[in-house]
Amino acid sequence: MEKGGCADALTAAGATAGGRVAFADELRLGLHGRVRRVWAPRGVKVRQRVQLRYQWRWLALAVDGRGGGLWWAWLPNLRKEAVAPVVEDWGAAGVAALVWDGAPSHRARLVREAGVPLVALPPAAPELNPAERVFQELRRAVEGLVHASLDDKVAAVERELAALAADPARLRSLAGWAWIDDALARLPAENPAPS
């Protein structure tokens, strides 16, 4: 997808104006903690506890910034065998086209044949993906805290995701970007008949 070519790429993939287009990405969530910025009085040194346990899970997330929809799934890894069923489920949930980066599992034939048209974002361009903005909100809610286990941290993320999914207006404010709305407005009303 070239600069300004989102509508063309989506049209080439078969997306139409009436279908839900979602932007997706994955987040590695683990117990290897991160320090977050916090407010403190001037001159007071802030000390934060950090976990250093190497346990991870992957959160696959798709967001529709125009309609305020959010879909997610937890994965043990990012292999094509784990990603393909998630793409199928999102297609069954109403996602008509999926825009995401060009990770190896995203380009695999098994994932491409999952039934949802896929459009690749340019490499090294997370600023073009509204899913990254949702990840910022998730990190704000759970990072900088010490969790008893990975399951506790996953539960905290699940609570935040459920709150986001229940508030479409908040999702639209996070992920409803004007350039995406403009591109989606230029999509054809329906697929043209083959000639």
Protein backbone atom coordinates (compact mmCIF):
# COMPACT_ATOMS: atom_id res chain seq x y z
CA MET A 1 0.00 0.00 0.00
CA GLU A 2 1.54 3.28 -1.12
CA LYS A 3 1.01 6.70 0.48
CA GLY A 4 -2.60 7.68 -0.12
CA GLY A 5 -3.34 4.25 -1.58
CA CYS A 6 -5.47 2.74 1.16
CA ALA A 7 -8.71 2.95 -0.85
CA ASP A 8 -7.04 1.45 -3.94
CA ALA A 9 -5.52 -1.41 -1.94
CA LEU A 10 -8.82 -2.17 -0.23
CA THR A 11 -10.70 -2.03 -3.54
CA ALA A 12 -8.16 -4.40 -5.12
CA ALA A 13 -8.70 -6.79 -2.19
CA GLY A 14 -12.47 -6.74 -2.79
CA ALA A 15 -13.59 -4.48 0.07
CA THR A 16 -16.75 -2.45 -0.43
CA ALA A 17 -18.23 0.61 1.25
CA GLY A 18 -20.80 -1.44 3.17
CA GLY A 19 -18.31 -3.91 4.70
CA ARG A 20 -16.45 -3.61 7.98
CA VAL A 21 -12.77 -2.91 7.48
CA ALA A 22 -10.64 -3.65 10.54
CA PHE A 23 -7.03 -2.78 11.29
CA ALA A 24 -5.23 -5.52 13.20
CA ASP A 25 -1.96 -6.21 14.97
CA GLU A 26 -0.49 -8.34 17.74
CA LEU A 27 0.82 -7.39 21.17
CA ARG A 28 3.23 -9.51 23.19
CA LEU A 29 2.04 -9.41 26.78
CA GLY A 30 4.26 -10.80 29.49
CA LEU A 31 5.64 -10.51 32.97
CA HIS A 32 8.84 -8.78 31.94
CA GLY A 33 7.67 -5.49 33.41
CA ARG A 34 8.15 -1.98 32.12
CA VAL A 35 8.59 1.20 34.08
CA ARG A 36 5.95 3.85 33.42
CA ARG A 37 6.20 7.58 33.95
CA VAL A 38 4.45 8.73 37.11
CA TRP A 39 3.88 12.04 38.82
CA ALA A 40 5.89 12.79 41.95
CA PRO A 41 6.81 15.91 43.91
CA ARG A 42 9.97 17.65 42.75
CA GLY A 43 13.06 16.14 44.34
CA VAL A 44 11.40 12.84 45.26
CA LYS A 45 12.93 9.79 43.64
CA VAL A 46 10.27 7.41 42.36
CA ARG A 47 10.90 3.71 42.84
CA GLN A 48 8.86 1.20 40.90
CA ARG A 49 8.83 -2.56 41.30
CA VAL A 50 9.50 -4.47 38.09
CA GLN A 51 8.93 -8.14 37.30
CA LEU A 52 11.58 -10.02 35.37
CA ARG A 53 9.85 -13.29 34.50
CA TYR A 54 9.97 -14.49 30.92
CA GLN A 55 6.41 -15.63 30.33
CA TRP A 56 4.44 -14.36 27.33
CA ARG A 57 1.14 -14.55 25.51
CA TRP A 58 0.17 -12.85 22.30
CA LEU A 59 -2.93 -10.70 21.95
CA ALA A 60 -4.28 -10.51 18.40
CA LEU A 61 -6.56 -7.50 18.08
CA ALA A 62 -8.65 -5.98 15.28
CA VAL A 63 -10.35 -2.60 15.54
CA ASP A 64 -12.93 -0.91 13.34
CA GLY A 65 -12.49 2.79 14.09
CA ARG A 66 -15.40 3.85 11.92
CA GLY A 67 -17.99 1.50 13.45
CA GLY A 68 -16.46 1.21 16.91
CA GLY A 69 -15.96 -2.57 16.75
CA LEU A 70 -13.26 -4.53 18.58
CA TRP A 71 -12.27 -8.19 18.23
CA TRP A 72 -9.46 -10.01 20.01
CA ALA A 73 -8.03 -13.45 20.69
CA TRP A 74 -5.18 -14.82 22.82
CA LEU A 75 -2.52 -16.84 21.01
CA PRO A 76 0.32 -19.02 22.32
CA ASN A 77 2.53 -17.91 19.40
CA LEU A 78 2.31 -16.14 16.05
CA ARG A 79 2.62 -19.16 13.80
CA LYS A 80 0.28 -19.41 10.85
CA GLU A 81 -1.55 -22.37 12.43
CA ALA A 82 -2.53 -20.15 15.39
CA VAL A 83 -3.33 -17.02 13.37
CA ALA A 84 -5.53 -18.57 10.63
CA PRO A 85 -8.42 -19.64 12.93
CA VAL A 86 -8.50 -16.15 14.44
CA VAL A 87 -8.83 -14.56 11.00
CA GLU A 88 -11.63 -17.02 10.18
CA ASP A 89 -13.44 -16.11 13.42
CA TRP A 90 -13.13 -12.40 12.68
CA GLY A 91 -14.56 -13.00 9.22
CA ALA A 92 -17.48 -14.89 10.73
CA ALA A 93 -17.99 -11.95 13.15
CA GLY A 94 -18.48 -9.53 10.25
CA VAL A 95 -15.00 -8.28 9.34
CA ALA A 96 -15.05 -7.87 5.54
CA ALA A 97 -11.38 -6.87 5.10
CA LEU A 98 -8.34 -6.85 7.37
CA VAL A 99 -5.46 -4.37 7.18
CA TRP A 100 -2.25 -5.27 9.03
CA ASP A 101 1.49 -5.45 8.76
CA GLY A 102 3.46 -7.90 6.66
CA ALA A 103 4.53 -10.33 9.39
CA PRO A 104 5.49 -13.77 8.04
CA SER A 105 2.40 -15.46 9.47
CA HIS A 106 0.19 -12.81 7.82
CA ARG A 107 1.61 -13.63 4.41
CA ALA A 108 1.24 -17.41 4.81
CA ARG A 109 -1.11 -19.15 2.38
CA LEU A 110 -3.05 -20.75 5.26
CA VAL A 111 -3.89 -17.28 6.64
CA ARG A 112 -4.58 -15.72 3.22
CA GLU A 113 -7.10 -18.51 2.53
CA ALA A 114 -8.95 -17.94 5.83
CA GLY A 115 -11.77 -16.14 4.01
CA VAL A 116 -11.04 -12.48 4.80
CA PRO A 117 -9.30 -10.25 2.24
CA LEU A 118 -5.96 -9.08 3.65
CA VAL A 119 -4.23 -5.78 2.90
CA ALA A 120 -0.64 -5.23 4.05
CA LEU A 121 0.51 -1.98 5.62
CA PRO A 122 3.90 -0.56 4.59
CA PRO A 123 6.83 -2.01 6.54
CA ALA A 124 7.92 -0.29 9.76
CA ALA A 125 4.86 1.99 9.87
CA PRO A 126 3.03 1.40 13.18
CA GLU A 127 1.78 4.99 13.08
CA LEU A 128 -0.58 3.95 10.26
CA ASN A 129 -2.29 1.27 12.35
CA PRO A 130 -5.06 2.32 14.78
CA ALA A 131 -4.64 -0.98 16.63
CA GLU A 132 -1.39 0.47 18.01
CA ARG A 133 -3.40 3.27 19.63
CA VAL A 134 -5.57 0.68 21.38
CA PHE A 135 -2.39 -1.08 22.56
CA GLN A 136 -1.21 2.22 24.09
CA GLU A 137 -4.39 2.34 26.15
CA LEU A 138 -3.92 -1.27 27.25
CA ARG A 139 -0.32 -0.64 28.26
CA ARG A 140 -1.39 2.44 30.20
CA ALA A 141 -3.84 0.28 32.17
CA VAL A 142 -1.61 -2.73 32.98
CA GLU A 143 2.08 -1.83 32.64
CA GLY A 144 4.03 -0.45 35.57
CA LEU A 145 2.19 -2.78 37.95
CA VAL A 146 3.33 -6.10 39.41
CA HIS A 147 0.93 -8.96 38.65
CA ALA A 148 0.88 -12.22 40.62
CA SER A 149 0.80 -14.32 37.45
CA LEU A 150 0.47 -14.06 33.71
CA ASP A 151 -3.18 -15.10 34.03
CA ASP A 152 -3.78 -12.12 36.37
CA LYS A 153 -2.25 -9.74 33.83
CA VAL A 154 -4.31 -11.30 31.02
CA ALA A 155 -7.44 -10.87 33.17
CA ALA A 156 -6.60 -7.18 33.68
CA VAL A 157 -6.21 -6.74 29.92
CA GLU A 158 -9.49 -8.60 29.34
CA ARG A 159 -11.29 -6.18 31.69
CA GLU A 160 -9.86 -3.20 29.81
CA LEU A 161 -10.76 -4.74 26.42
CA ALA A 162 -14.32 -5.43 27.60
CA ALA A 163 -14.63 -1.79 28.74
CA LEU A 164 -13.36 -0.58 25.36
CA ALA A 165 -15.67 -2.90 23.42
CA ALA A 166 -18.64 -1.66 25.46
CA ASP A 167 -17.85 1.96 24.55
CA PRO A 168 -17.92 2.38 20.74
CA ALA A 169 -17.62 6.18 21.06
CA ARG A 170 -14.31 5.81 22.89
CA LEU A 171 -13.09 3.34 20.26
CA ARG A 172 -14.04 5.76 17.50
CA SER A 173 -12.11 8.53 19.26
CA LEU A 174 -9.05 6.27 19.58
CA ALA A 175 -9.09 4.60 16.17
CA GLY A 176 -11.43 6.57 13.92
CA TRP A 177 -8.84 8.51 11.98
CA ALA A 178 -9.87 10.99 9.29
CA TRP A 179 -7.59 9.59 6.57
CA ILE A 180 -9.06 6.12 7.11
CA ASP A 181 -12.61 7.48 6.95
CA ASP A 182 -11.73 9.29 3.71
CA ALA A 183 -10.29 6.08 2.21
CA LEU A 184 -13.33 4.03 3.26
CA ALA A 185 -15.67 6.65 1.79
CA ARG A 186 -13.99 6.13 -1.61
CA LEU A 187 -14.65 2.38 -1.69
CA PRO A 188 -17.10 1.14 -4.33
CA ALA A 189 -20.66 0.43 -3.23
CA GLU A 190 -20.35 -3.21 -4.29
CA ASN A 191 -17.92 -5.44 -6.13
CA PRO A 192 -17.99 -4.79 -9.86
CA ALA A 193 -19.19 -7.68 -12.00
CA PRO A 194 -16.34 -9.64 -13.63
CA SER A 195 -15.93 -8.86 -17.31
